[in-house]
N, C-alpha and C. Protein backbone atom coordinates (compact mmCIF):
# COMPACT_ATOMS: atom_id res chain seq x y z
N HIS A 1 -1.78 -42.82 -3.39
CA HIS A 1 -2.31 -41.53 -3.57
C HIS A 1 -3.93 -41.33 -2.10
N PHE A 2 -3.47 -40.46 -1.11
CA PHE A 2 -4.36 -40.08 -0.55
C PHE A 2 -5.19 -38.74 -0.62
N ILE A 3 -6.96 -38.88 -1.46
CA ILE A 3 -7.82 -37.69 -1.52
C ILE A 3 -8.38 -37.60 -0.33
N SER A 4 -8.64 -36.24 -0.11
CA SER A 4 -9.77 -36.33 0.99
C SER A 4 -10.85 -36.09 0.30
N ALA A 5 -11.81 -36.58 0.51
CA ALA A 5 -13.30 -36.60 0.35
C ALA A 5 -13.39 -35.08 0.28
N LYS A 6 -13.61 -34.13 0.83
CA LYS A 6 -13.28 -32.95 1.01
C LYS A 6 -12.87 -31.87 -0.32
N GLN A 7 -12.08 -32.81 -0.87
CA GLN A 7 -11.44 -31.81 -2.51
C GLN A 7 -12.79 -31.58 -3.05
N SER A 8 -14.34 -32.44 -2.86
CA SER A 8 -15.11 -31.85 -4.10
C SER A 8 -15.69 -30.63 -3.80
N ASP A 9 -15.12 -30.46 -2.73
CA ASP A 9 -15.75 -28.85 -2.11
C ASP A 9 -15.10 -27.65 -2.42
N VAL A 10 -13.93 -28.01 -3.16
CA VAL A 10 -13.31 -26.88 -3.70
C VAL A 10 -13.87 -26.41 -4.92
N SER A 11 -14.12 -24.93 -5.05
CA SER A 11 -14.41 -24.64 -6.52
C SER A 11 -13.78 -23.26 -6.58
N SER A 12 -13.72 -22.95 -8.14
CA SER A 12 -13.67 -21.61 -8.35
C SER A 12 -14.41 -20.72 -9.30
N ILE A 13 -13.96 -19.22 -8.61
CA ILE A 13 -15.70 -18.41 -9.81
C ILE A 13 -14.76 -17.25 -9.90
N VAL A 14 -14.93 -17.18 -11.40
CA VAL A 14 -14.55 -16.12 -12.17
C VAL A 14 -15.91 -15.02 -12.56
N VAL A 15 -15.22 -14.41 -12.18
CA VAL A 15 -15.71 -12.71 -12.39
C VAL A 15 -15.29 -11.87 -13.40
N ASP A 16 -16.18 -11.66 -14.11
CA ASP A 16 -15.92 -10.87 -15.72
C ASP A 16 -16.44 -9.25 -15.37
N LEU A 17 -15.73 -8.24 -15.61
CA LEU A 17 -16.37 -7.38 -15.47
C LEU A 17 -16.29 -6.12 -17.01
N ASP A 18 -17.07 -5.50 -17.35
CA ASP A 18 -16.65 -4.95 -19.14
C ASP A 18 -17.24 -3.34 -18.33
N TYR A 19 -16.66 -3.34 -16.91
CA TYR A 19 -16.52 -1.27 -16.78
C TYR A 19 -15.29 -1.48 -15.64
N PRO A 20 -15.42 -0.07 -16.00
CA PRO A 20 -13.78 0.29 -15.07
C PRO A 20 -14.15 0.16 -13.22
N VAL A 21 -13.30 0.23 -12.65
CA VAL A 21 -13.44 0.12 -11.12
C VAL A 21 -12.87 1.52 -9.98
N ASP A 22 -13.14 1.54 -9.44
CA ASP A 22 -12.60 2.48 -8.24
C ASP A 22 -11.78 1.47 -7.56
N ILE A 23 -10.65 1.26 -7.24
CA ILE A 23 -9.83 1.07 -6.51
C ILE A 23 -10.38 0.71 -4.94
N SER A 24 -11.04 2.01 -4.84
CA SER A 24 -10.93 2.37 -3.45
C SER A 24 -12.25 1.20 -2.79
N ASP A 25 -13.01 1.33 -3.92
CA ASP A 25 -14.42 0.42 -3.91
C ASP A 25 -13.56 -1.43 -3.89
N VAL A 26 -13.01 -1.56 -4.40
CA VAL A 26 -12.31 -2.91 -4.91
C VAL A 26 -12.04 -3.29 -3.53
N SER A 27 -10.86 -2.32 -2.61
CA SER A 27 -10.11 -2.59 -1.68
C SER A 27 -12.00 -2.66 -0.28
N ARG A 28 -12.81 -2.08 -0.71
CA ARG A 28 -13.95 -2.03 0.41
C ARG A 28 -14.70 -3.34 0.71
N VAL A 29 -15.01 -3.72 -0.70
CA VAL A 29 -15.13 -5.45 -1.23
C VAL A 29 -14.67 -6.46 -0.44
N MET A 30 -13.31 -6.32 -1.17
CA MET A 30 -12.19 -7.18 -0.38
C MET A 30 -12.61 -7.51 0.89
N GLU A 31 -12.51 -6.15 1.83
CA GLU A 31 -12.55 -6.44 3.55
C GLU A 31 -14.00 -6.88 3.85
N THR A 32 -15.08 -6.17 3.33
CA THR A 32 -16.37 -6.45 3.72
C THR A 32 -17.06 -7.88 3.43
N LEU A 33 -16.70 -7.98 2.04
CA LEU A 33 -17.03 -9.98 1.64
C LEU A 33 -15.93 -10.81 1.39
N LEU A 34 -14.68 -10.70 1.22
CA LEU A 34 -13.48 -11.37 1.40
C LEU A 34 -13.03 -12.29 2.52
N LEU A 35 -12.55 -11.05 3.44
CA LEU A 35 -12.01 -11.20 4.48
C LEU A 35 -12.36 -12.33 5.65
N PRO A 36 -14.07 -12.01 5.76
CA PRO A 36 -14.47 -13.10 6.64
C PRO A 36 -14.56 -14.50 6.15
N LEU A 37 -14.40 -14.61 4.84
CA LEU A 37 -14.17 -15.44 3.87
C LEU A 37 -12.75 -16.43 4.33
N ALA A 38 -11.62 -15.51 4.87
CA ALA A 38 -10.49 -16.00 4.59
C ALA A 38 -9.83 -17.50 4.56
N ASP A 39 -10.58 -17.96 5.83
CA ASP A 39 -10.40 -19.19 6.26
C ASP A 39 -10.87 -19.99 4.91
N LYS A 40 -11.88 -20.08 4.14
CA LYS A 40 -12.02 -20.70 3.50
C LYS A 40 -11.40 -20.48 1.34
N LEU A 41 -11.52 -19.07 1.50
CA LEU A 41 -10.51 -18.83 0.25
C LEU A 41 -8.94 -18.90 0.74
N LEU A 42 -8.75 -20.26 -0.24
CA LEU A 42 -7.53 -20.31 -0.60
C LEU A 42 -6.64 -20.15 -1.69
N ARG A 43 -7.15 -19.14 -2.62
CA ARG A 43 -6.39 -18.14 -3.97
C ARG A 43 -7.18 -16.78 -4.48
N TYR A 44 -6.92 -16.25 -4.59
CA TYR A 44 -7.34 -15.35 -5.69
C TYR A 44 -6.81 -14.33 -6.04
N LYS A 45 -6.89 -14.22 -7.97
CA LYS A 45 -5.82 -13.15 -8.57
C LYS A 45 -7.00 -12.43 -9.35
N ALA A 46 -6.76 -10.97 -9.78
CA ALA A 46 -7.21 -10.52 -10.64
C ALA A 46 -6.86 -9.83 -11.59
N MET A 47 -7.19 -9.13 -12.81
CA MET A 47 -6.73 -7.92 -13.51
C MET A 47 -7.73 -7.09 -13.31
N LEU A 48 -7.35 -5.81 -13.23
CA LEU A 48 -8.29 -5.26 -12.78
C LEU A 48 -8.11 -3.60 -13.93
N TRP A 49 -9.60 -3.38 -14.52
CA TRP A 49 -9.05 -2.14 -15.32
C TRP A 49 -10.00 -1.25 -14.55
N THR A 50 -8.78 0.14 -14.47
CA THR A 50 -9.23 0.68 -12.53
C THR A 50 -9.66 2.19 -13.58
N ASN A 51 -10.19 3.01 -12.90
CA ASN A 51 -10.89 4.10 -13.59
C ASN A 51 -9.58 5.26 -13.60
N GLY A 52 -9.72 6.00 -14.44
CA GLY A 52 -8.49 6.89 -14.77
C GLY A 52 -7.50 6.12 -15.21
N GLU A 53 -6.69 5.26 -15.22
CA GLU A 53 -5.57 4.73 -15.34
C GLU A 53 -5.33 3.92 -16.63
N PRO A 54 -3.74 4.29 -17.03
CA PRO A 54 -3.82 3.74 -18.48
C PRO A 54 -3.35 2.00 -18.38
N ASN A 55 -2.80 1.58 -16.98
CA ASN A 55 -2.03 0.16 -17.04
C ASN A 55 -3.29 -0.50 -16.18
N ARG A 56 -2.77 -1.87 -16.51
CA ARG A 56 -3.61 -2.46 -15.33
C ARG A 56 -2.94 -2.89 -14.54
N LEU A 57 -4.20 -3.11 -13.25
CA LEU A 57 -3.62 -3.50 -12.32
C LEU A 57 -4.12 -4.88 -11.77
N LEU A 58 -2.81 -5.34 -11.29
CA LEU A 58 -2.88 -6.89 -11.09
C LEU A 58 -3.05 -6.82 -9.20
N PHE A 59 -3.65 -8.04 -9.02
CA PHE A 59 -4.55 -7.74 -7.53
C PHE A 59 -4.36 -9.61 -7.43
N GLN A 60 -3.63 -10.30 -6.23
CA GLN A 60 -3.48 -10.97 -5.66
C GLN A 60 -3.36 -11.37 -4.41
N GLY A 61 -3.63 -13.08 -3.78
CA GLY A 61 -3.99 -12.46 -2.47
C GLY A 61 -3.98 -14.56 -2.24
N VAL A 62 -3.96 -15.14 -0.71
CA VAL A 62 -3.96 -15.85 -0.31
C VAL A 62 -4.56 -15.56 1.19
N GLN A 63 -5.84 -16.13 1.29
CA GLN A 63 -6.52 -16.02 2.57
C GLN A 63 -6.61 -14.25 2.88
N ARG A 64 -6.04 -13.56 3.69
CA ARG A 64 -5.84 -12.43 4.09
C ARG A 64 -4.59 -11.38 3.82
N LEU A 65 -3.52 -12.15 3.12
CA LEU A 65 -2.73 -11.34 2.27
C LEU A 65 -2.84 -10.85 0.47
N TYR A 66 -2.42 -9.81 1.14
CA TYR A 66 -2.54 -9.69 -0.64
C TYR A 66 -2.47 -8.20 -1.21
N SER A 67 -1.80 -8.53 -2.30
CA SER A 67 -0.58 -7.11 -3.24
C SER A 67 -1.28 -6.93 -4.12
N ALA A 68 -1.15 -5.80 -4.76
CA ALA A 68 -1.44 -4.90 -5.42
C ALA A 68 0.00 -4.83 -6.38
N ASP A 69 0.08 -4.63 -7.75
CA ASP A 69 1.18 -4.39 -8.30
C ASP A 69 0.46 -4.10 -9.93
N TRP A 70 0.93 -2.40 -10.72
CA TRP A 70 0.95 -1.78 -11.87
C TRP A 70 1.34 -2.92 -12.51
N ASP A 71 0.37 -3.36 -14.11
CA ASP A 71 1.37 -3.88 -15.08
C ASP A 71 1.25 -2.94 -16.24
N ARG A 72 1.69 -3.70 -17.34
CA ARG A 72 1.50 -2.98 -18.34
C ARG A 72 0.32 -2.58 -19.16
N PRO A 73 0.69 -1.40 -20.14
CA PRO A 73 -0.68 -0.42 -20.23
C PRO A 73 -1.92 -1.41 -21.19
N TRP A 74 -3.02 -1.44 -20.87
CA TRP A 74 -4.00 -1.59 -22.02
C TRP A 74 -3.14 -2.21 -23.50
N GLY A 75 -2.92 -1.35 -24.44
CA GLY A 75 -2.32 -1.05 -25.80
C GLY A 75 -3.50 -1.42 -26.48
N GLU A 76 -3.63 -1.90 -27.67
CA GLU A 76 -4.35 -2.57 -28.31
C GLU A 76 -5.95 -3.15 -27.84
N GLU A 77 -5.52 -4.39 -26.26
CA GLU A 77 -6.42 -4.76 -25.35
C GLU A 77 -7.90 -3.80 -25.30
N THR A 78 -9.06 -4.48 -25.04
CA THR A 78 -10.00 -3.75 -24.71
C THR A 78 -9.83 -3.92 -23.41
N PRO A 79 -10.02 -2.69 -22.18
CA PRO A 79 -9.89 -2.75 -21.09
C PRO A 79 -11.37 -3.83 -20.34
N HIS A 80 -11.00 -4.67 -19.55
CA HIS A 80 -11.98 -5.30 -18.90
C HIS A 80 -11.05 -6.17 -17.42
N SER A 81 -12.28 -6.32 -16.62
CA SER A 81 -11.33 -6.83 -15.43
C SER A 81 -11.96 -8.22 -15.35
N THR A 82 -11.06 -8.94 -14.80
CA THR A 82 -11.10 -10.34 -14.38
C THR A 82 -11.03 -10.92 -12.98
N LEU A 83 -11.59 -11.67 -12.41
CA LEU A 83 -11.34 -11.56 -10.98
C LEU A 83 -11.75 -13.47 -10.80
N VAL A 84 -10.49 -14.34 -10.68
CA VAL A 84 -10.69 -15.67 -9.76
C VAL A 84 -10.53 -16.04 -8.44
N PHE A 85 -11.67 -16.62 -7.93
CA PHE A 85 -11.50 -16.74 -6.32
C PHE A 85 -11.58 -18.37 -6.49
N ILE A 86 -10.39 -18.54 -6.16
CA ILE A 86 -10.37 -20.93 -5.57
C ILE A 86 -11.00 -20.79 -4.18
N GLY A 87 -11.70 -21.33 -3.72
CA GLY A 87 -11.87 -21.61 -2.30
C GLY A 87 -13.04 -22.70 -2.01
N ILE A 88 -13.15 -23.16 -0.38
CA ILE A 88 -14.44 -23.89 -0.07
C ILE A 88 -15.36 -23.20 -0.24
N GLN A 89 -16.38 -24.24 -0.54
CA GLN A 89 -17.63 -23.45 -0.38
C GLN A 89 -18.39 -22.11 -0.39
N LEU A 90 -17.93 -21.44 -1.49
CA LEU A 90 -17.43 -20.18 -1.25
C LEU A 90 -18.82 -19.55 -1.91
N PRO A 91 -19.49 -18.24 -1.09
CA PRO A 91 -20.87 -18.35 -1.54
C PRO A 91 -21.03 -17.56 -2.59
N GLU A 92 -21.04 -18.11 -3.91
CA GLU A 92 -21.16 -17.30 -5.26
C GLU A 92 -21.87 -16.43 -5.42
N GLN A 93 -22.37 -16.32 -5.79
CA GLN A 93 -23.83 -15.07 -5.95
C GLN A 93 -23.67 -14.40 -5.17
N GLU A 94 -23.23 -13.94 -4.10
CA GLU A 94 -23.02 -12.98 -2.30
C GLU A 94 -21.61 -12.21 -3.26
N ILE A 95 -21.15 -13.40 -3.83
CA ILE A 95 -19.65 -12.85 -4.38
C ILE A 95 -19.56 -12.29 -5.62
N ARG A 96 -20.28 -12.58 -6.81
CA ARG A 96 -21.02 -12.30 -7.74
C ARG A 96 -21.66 -10.63 -7.63
N ASP A 97 -22.63 -10.67 -6.53
CA ASP A 97 -23.15 -9.24 -6.57
C ASP A 97 -22.60 -8.53 -6.03
N ALA A 98 -21.57 -8.45 -5.06
CA ALA A 98 -20.95 -7.42 -4.87
C ALA A 98 -19.92 -7.02 -5.54
N PHE A 99 -19.20 -7.81 -6.85
CA PHE A 99 -18.51 -7.09 -7.66
C PHE A 99 -19.41 -6.11 -8.74
N ALA A 100 -20.46 -6.65 -9.13
CA ALA A 100 -21.26 -6.15 -10.11
C ALA A 100 -22.25 -4.64 -9.56
N GLY A 101 -21.88 -4.63 -8.22
CA GLY A 101 -22.37 -3.62 -7.58
C GLY A 101 -21.50 -1.97 -7.46
N LEU A 102 -20.07 -2.90 -8.54
CA LEU A 102 -19.13 -1.48 -8.16
C LEU A 102 -19.48 -0.96 -9.37
N MET A 103 -20.29 -0.84 -10.39
CA MET A 103 -20.54 -0.42 -11.82
C MET A 103 -20.78 0.78 -11.20
N ARG A 104 -20.58 1.95 -11.97
CA ARG A 104 -20.75 3.18 -11.48
C ARG A 104 -21.59 3.80 -12.62
N PRO A 105 -22.23 4.71 -12.79
CA PRO A 105 -22.48 5.75 -14.49
C PRO A 105 -21.35 6.40 -15.12
N GLN A 106 -21.04 6.17 -16.28
CA GLN A 106 -20.10 6.34 -17.08
C GLN A 106 -20.61 8.53 -17.12
N LYS A 107 -19.34 8.97 -16.83
CA LYS A 107 -19.55 10.53 -16.58
C LYS A 107 -19.31 10.69 -18.61
């Protein structure tokens, strides 16, 4: 087996949000924060609770390529968002702060 010494630089970051997000806000964060990191960002997946939508939004990507698809309704499950980022030397606090900034006052 050949294992690169750099393997220890790979980490995952899980971000959980207990409030709904706006899809355009998530897109903005992805563009401004994560796309500059694309060469270090190996994979990302998310299940999003979006404003005004009864269904979960599944979001996934590799580097600069990503897609989103509507999934099943939340049903009995409490809506929430979970985002997972896997990459090399990712700026964890910067990523957490960017998504924490998506919280909007409830009307």
